[in-house]
Amino acid sequence: MAKNPARTDTDLSDKEAQEMAETTDVSPQQAKDLAAKHGKDEAKKKAKNYKAEG
């Protein structure tokens, strides 16, 4: 699959955000926010450190 030049390392698709949300304690929007701030790889690491609220 060809890489879309418009996407960057900080772009997280809805599917990727949902997958990260399912495997960590972050919401899909939090996953996107983390990726925008830190990049995809670092966002995945940071998401694992989040604790569920409640």
PDB file of N, CA and C in Angstrom:
ATOM      1  N   MET A   1       0.836  -1.170   0.000  1.00  0.00           N
ATOM      2  CA  MET A   1       0.000   0.000   0.000  1.00  0.00           C
ATOM      3  C   MET A   1       0.883   1.235   0.000  1.00  0.00           C
ATOM      4  N   ALA A   2       0.592   2.158  -0.885  1.00  0.00           N
ATOM      5  CA  ALA A   2       1.375   3.376  -0.993  1.00  0.00           C
ATOM      6  C   ALA A   2       1.087   4.283   0.192  1.00  0.00           C
ATOM      7  N   LYS A   3       2.115   4.937   0.653  1.00  0.00           N
ATOM      8  CA  LYS A   3       1.973   5.844   1.776  1.00  0.00           C
ATOM      9  C   LYS A   3       1.415   7.175   1.295  1.00  0.00           C
ATOM     10  N   ASN A   4       0.440   7.687   1.990  1.00  0.00           N
ATOM     11  CA  ASN A   4      -0.167   8.964   1.647  1.00  0.00           C
ATOM     12  C   ASN A   4       0.772  10.082   2.102  1.00  0.00           C
ATOM     13  N   PRO A   5       1.274  10.901   1.179  1.00  0.00           N
ATOM     14  CA  PRO A   5       2.217  11.955   1.570  1.00  0.00           C
ATOM     15  C   PRO A   5       1.583  13.037   2.434  1.00  0.00           C
ATOM     16  N   ALA A   6       0.270  13.135   2.449  1.00  0.00           N
ATOM     17  CA  ALA A   6      -0.408  14.141   3.264  1.00  0.00           C
ATOM     18  C   ALA A   6      -0.464  13.730   4.738  1.00  0.00           C
ATOM     19  N   ARG A   7      -0.344  12.434   5.002  1.00  0.00           N
ATOM     20  CA  ARG A   7      -0.367  11.954   6.389  1.00  0.00           C
ATOM     21  C   ARG A   7       0.997  12.114   7.015  1.00  0.00           C
ATOM     22  N   THR A   8       1.005  12.382   8.280  1.00  0.00           N
ATOM     23  CA  THR A   8       2.264  12.481   9.005  1.00  0.00           C
ATOM     24  C   THR A   8       2.275  11.454  10.117  1.00  0.00           C
ATOM     25  N   ASP A   9       3.357  11.399  10.845  1.00  0.00           N
ATOM     26  CA  ASP A   9       3.485  10.468  11.954  1.00  0.00           C
ATOM     27  C   ASP A   9       2.516  10.811  13.074  1.00  0.00           C
ATOM     28  N   THR A  10       1.948  12.007  13.029  1.00  0.00           N
ATOM     29  CA  THR A  10       1.033  12.414  14.092  1.00  0.00           C
ATOM     30  C   THR A  10      -0.421  12.182  13.724  1.00  0.00           C
ATOM     31  N   ASP A  11      -0.698  11.775  12.491  1.00  0.00           N
ATOM     32  CA  ASP A  11      -2.073  11.505  12.069  1.00  0.00           C
ATOM     33  C   ASP A  11      -2.476  10.097  12.510  1.00  0.00           C
ATOM     34  N   LEU A  12      -3.591  10.014  13.198  1.00  0.00           N
ATOM     35  CA  LEU A  12      -4.102   8.729  13.649  1.00  0.00           C
ATOM     36  C   LEU A  12      -5.495   8.560  13.059  1.00  0.00           C
ATOM     37  N   SER A  13      -5.699   7.496  12.292  1.00  0.00           N
ATOM     38  CA  SER A  13      -7.012   7.267  11.675  1.00  0.00           C
ATOM     39  C   SER A  13      -8.020   6.880  12.750  1.00  0.00           C
ATOM     40  N   ASP A  14      -9.285   6.934  12.407  1.00  0.00           N
ATOM     41  CA  ASP A  14     -10.337   6.534  13.348  1.00  0.00           C
ATOM     42  C   ASP A  14     -10.146   5.082  13.775  1.00  0.00           C
ATOM     43  N   LYS A  15      -9.775   4.243  12.817  1.00  0.00           N
ATOM     44  CA  LYS A  15      -9.569   2.820  13.115  1.00  0.00           C
ATOM     45  C   LYS A  15      -8.389   2.638  14.079  1.00  0.00           C
ATOM     46  N   GLU A  16      -7.289   3.338  13.818  1.00  0.00           N
ATOM     47  CA  GLU A  16      -6.123   3.237  14.701  1.00  0.00           C
ATOM     48  C   GLU A  16      -6.447   3.756  16.104  1.00  0.00           C
ATOM     49  N   ALA A  17      -7.194   4.856  16.169  1.00  0.00           N
ATOM     50  CA  ALA A  17      -7.576   5.418  17.465  1.00  0.00           C
ATOM     51  C   ALA A  17      -8.460   4.443  18.225  1.00  0.00           C
ATOM     52  N   GLN A  18      -9.400   3.801  17.535  1.00  0.00           N
ATOM     53  CA  GLN A  18     -10.289   2.835  18.174  1.00  0.00           C
ATOM     54  C   GLN A  18      -9.500   1.628  18.679  1.00  0.00           C
ATOM     55  N   GLU A  19      -8.560   1.150  17.891  1.00  0.00           N
ATOM     56  CA  GLU A  19      -7.740   0.007  18.303  1.00  0.00           C
ATOM     57  C   GLU A  19      -6.917   0.347  19.540  1.00  0.00           C
ATOM     58  N   MET A  20      -6.349   1.566  19.574  1.00  0.00           N
ATOM     59  CA  MET A  20      -5.571   1.979  20.734  1.00  0.00           C
ATOM     60  C   MET A  20      -6.483   2.095  21.956  1.00  0.00           C
ATOM     61  N   ALA A  21      -7.685   2.602  21.762  1.00  0.00           N
ATOM     62  CA  ALA A  21      -8.637   2.742  22.869  1.00  0.00           C
ATOM     63  C   ALA A  21      -9.033   1.381  23.430  1.00  0.00           C
ATOM     64  N   GLU A  22      -9.163   0.392  22.562  1.00  0.00           N
ATOM     65  CA  GLU A  22      -9.566  -0.947  23.000  1.00  0.00           C
ATOM     66  C   GLU A  22      -8.466  -1.658  23.782  1.00  0.00           C
ATOM     67  N   THR A  23      -7.221  -1.318  23.520  1.00  0.00           N
ATOM     68  CA  THR A  23      -6.113  -2.012  24.178  1.00  0.00           C
ATOM     69  C   THR A  23      -5.500  -1.220  25.329  1.00  0.00           C
ATOM     70  N   THR A  24      -5.986   0.000  25.541  1.00  0.00           N
ATOM     71  CA  THR A  24      -5.484   0.836  26.633  1.00  0.00           C
ATOM     72  C   THR A  24      -6.674   1.479  27.341  1.00  0.00           C
ATOM     73  N   ASP A  25      -6.382   2.328  28.302  1.00  0.00           N
ATOM     74  CA  ASP A  25      -7.443   3.000  29.055  1.00  0.00           C
ATOM     75  C   ASP A  25      -7.673   4.429  28.579  1.00  0.00           C
ATOM     76  N   VAL A  26      -7.509   4.677  27.289  1.00  0.00           N
ATOM     77  CA  VAL A  26      -7.775   6.008  26.743  1.00  0.00           C
ATOM     78  C   VAL A  26      -8.959   5.944  25.794  1.00  0.00           C
ATOM     79  N   SER A  27      -9.603   7.076  25.591  1.00  0.00           N
ATOM     80  CA  SER A  27     -10.698   7.148  24.625  1.00  0.00           C
ATOM     81  C   SER A  27     -10.094   7.334  23.233  1.00  0.00           C
ATOM     82  N   PRO A  28     -10.873   7.096  22.185  1.00  0.00           N
ATOM     83  CA  PRO A  28     -10.347   7.337  20.834  1.00  0.00           C
ATOM     84  C   PRO A  28      -9.872   8.783  20.646  1.00  0.00           C
ATOM     85  N   GLN A  29     -10.589   9.746  21.233  1.00  0.00           N
ATOM     86  CA  GLN A  29     -10.166  11.143  21.098  1.00  0.00           C
ATOM     87  C   GLN A  29      -8.855  11.394  21.843  1.00  0.00           C
ATOM     88  N   GLN A  30      -8.702  10.796  23.012  1.00  0.00           N
ATOM     89  CA  GLN A  30      -7.444  10.930  23.749  1.00  0.00           C
ATOM     90  C   GLN A  30      -6.302  10.312  22.959  1.00  0.00           C
ATOM     91  N   ALA A  31      -6.557   9.200  22.291  1.00  0.00           N
ATOM     92  CA  ALA A  31      -5.532   8.559  21.467  1.00  0.00           C
ATOM     93  C   ALA A  31      -5.091   9.497  20.351  1.00  0.00           C
ATOM     94  N   LYS A  32      -6.051  10.141  19.699  1.00  0.00           N
ATOM     95  CA  LYS A  32      -5.722  11.091  18.623  1.00  0.00           C
ATOM     96  C   LYS A  32      -4.949  12.281  19.171  1.00  0.00           C
ATOM     97  N   ASP A  33      -5.349  12.768  20.333  1.00  0.00           N
ATOM     98  CA  ASP A  33      -4.655  13.901  20.949  1.00  0.00           C
ATOM     99  C   ASP A  33      -3.215  13.540  21.298  1.00  0.00           C
ATOM    100  N   LEU A  34      -3.026  12.354  21.848  1.00  0.00           N
ATOM    101  CA  LEU A  34      -1.671  11.908  22.180  1.00  0.00           C
ATOM    102  C   LEU A  34      -0.804  11.781  20.929  1.00  0.00           C
ATOM    103  N   ALA A  35      -1.373  11.231  19.861  1.00  0.00           N
ATOM    104  CA  ALA A  35      -0.620  11.084  18.613  1.00  0.00           C
ATOM    105  C   ALA A  35      -0.263  12.444  18.027  1.00  0.00           C
ATOM    106  N   ALA A  36      -1.187  13.387  18.111  1.00  0.00           N
ATOM    107  CA  ALA A  36      -0.919  14.724  17.581  1.00  0.00           C
ATOM    108  C   ALA A  36       0.199  15.403  18.360  1.00  0.00           C
ATOM    109  N   LYS A  37       0.248  15.141  19.651  1.00  0.00           N
ATOM    110  CA  LYS A  37       1.246  15.799  20.494  1.00  0.00           C
ATOM    111  C   LYS A  37       2.602  15.095  20.467  1.00  0.00           C
ATOM    112  N   HIS A  38       2.590  13.740  20.436  1.00  0.00           N
ATOM    113  CA  HIS A  38       3.828  12.981  20.614  1.00  0.00           C
ATOM    114  C   HIS A  38       4.222  12.100  19.437  1.00  0.00           C
ATOM    115  N   GLY A  39       3.372  11.924  18.448  1.00  0.00           N
ATOM    116  CA  GLY A  39       3.637  10.975  17.366  1.00  0.00           C
ATOM    117  C   GLY A  39       3.039   9.624  17.721  1.00  0.00           C
ATOM    118  N   LYS A  40       2.813   8.809  16.718  1.00  0.00           N
ATOM    119  CA  LYS A  40       2.112   7.529  16.919  1.00  0.00           C
ATOM    120  C   LYS A  40       2.819   6.590  17.891  1.00  0.00           C
ATOM    121  N   ASP A  41       4.101   6.364  17.671  1.00  0.00           N
ATOM    122  CA  ASP A  41       4.812   5.389  18.496  1.00  0.00           C
ATOM    123  C   ASP A  41       4.848   5.805  19.962  1.00  0.00           C
ATOM    124  N   GLU A  42       5.170   7.059  20.208  1.00  0.00           N
ATOM    125  CA  GLU A  42       5.231   7.550  21.584  1.00  0.00           C
ATOM    126  C   GLU A  42       3.839   7.582  22.203  1.00  0.00           C
ATOM    127  N   ALA A  43       2.819   7.884  21.411  1.00  0.00           N
ATOM    128  CA  ALA A  43       1.442   7.911  21.919  1.00  0.00           C
ATOM    129  C   ALA A  43       1.027   6.535  22.423  1.00  0.00           C
ATOM    130  N   LYS A  44       1.409   5.492  21.721  1.00  0.00           N
ATOM    131  CA  LYS A  44       1.069   4.138  22.156  1.00  0.00           C
ATOM    132  C   LYS A  44       1.719   3.819  23.497  1.00  0.00           C
ATOM    133  N   LYS A  45       2.958   4.248  23.672  1.00  0.00           N
ATOM    134  CA  LYS A  45       3.653   4.022  24.943  1.00  0.00           C
ATOM    135  C   LYS A  45       2.982   4.802  26.068  1.00  0.00           C
ATOM    136  N   LYS A  46       2.661   6.065  25.803  1.00  0.00           N
ATOM    137  CA  LYS A  46       2.044   6.907  26.829  1.00  0.00           C
ATOM    138  C   LYS A  46       0.631   6.428  27.166  1.00  0.00           C
ATOM    139  N   ALA A  47      -0.103   5.935  26.192  1.00  0.00           N
ATOM    140  CA  ALA A  47      -1.471   5.469  26.427  1.00  0.00           C
ATOM    141  C   ALA A  47      -1.489   4.296  27.395  1.00  0.00           C
ATOM    142  N   LYS A  48      -0.467   3.479  27.367  1.00  0.00           N
ATOM    143  CA  LYS A  48      -0.409   2.333  28.277  1.00  0.00           C
ATOM    144  C   LYS A  48      -0.235   2.772  29.726  1.00  0.00           C
ATOM    145  N   ASN A  49       0.287   3.987  29.922  1.00  0.00           N
ATOM    146  CA  ASN A  49       0.504   4.501  31.279  1.00  0.00           C
ATOM    147  C   ASN A  49      -0.734   5.198  31.844  1.00  0.00           C
ATOM    148  N   TYR A  50      -1.731   5.475  30.993  1.00  0.00           N
ATOM    149  CA  TYR A  50      -2.949   6.121  31.455  1.00  0.00           C
ATOM    150  C   TYR A  50      -3.777   5.157  32.299  1.00  0.00           C
ATOM    151  N   LYS A  51      -4.406   5.665  33.301  1.00  0.00           N
ATOM    152  CA  LYS A  51      -5.289   4.855  34.137  1.00  0.00           C
ATOM    153  C   LYS A  51      -6.731   5.259  33.861  1.00  0.00           C
ATOM    154  N   ALA A  52      -7.621   4.308  33.919  1.00  0.00           N
ATOM    155  CA  ALA A  52      -9.042   4.591  33.699  1.00  0.00           C
ATOM    156  C   ALA A  52      -9.560   5.478  34.822  1.00  0.00           C
ATOM    157  N   GLU A  53     -10.410   6.420  34.455  1.00  0.00           N
ATOM    158  CA  GLU A  53     -11.005   7.286  35.456  1.00  0.00           C
ATOM    159  C   GLU A  53     -12.111   6.536  36.178  1.00  0.00           C
ATOM    160  N   GLY A  54     -12.312   6.901  37.452  1.00  0.00           N
ATOM    161  CA  GLY A  54     -13.426   6.299  38.160  1.00  0.00           C
ATOM    162  C   GLY A  54     -13.056   5.641  39.433  1.00  0.00           C
TER     163      GLY A  54
END
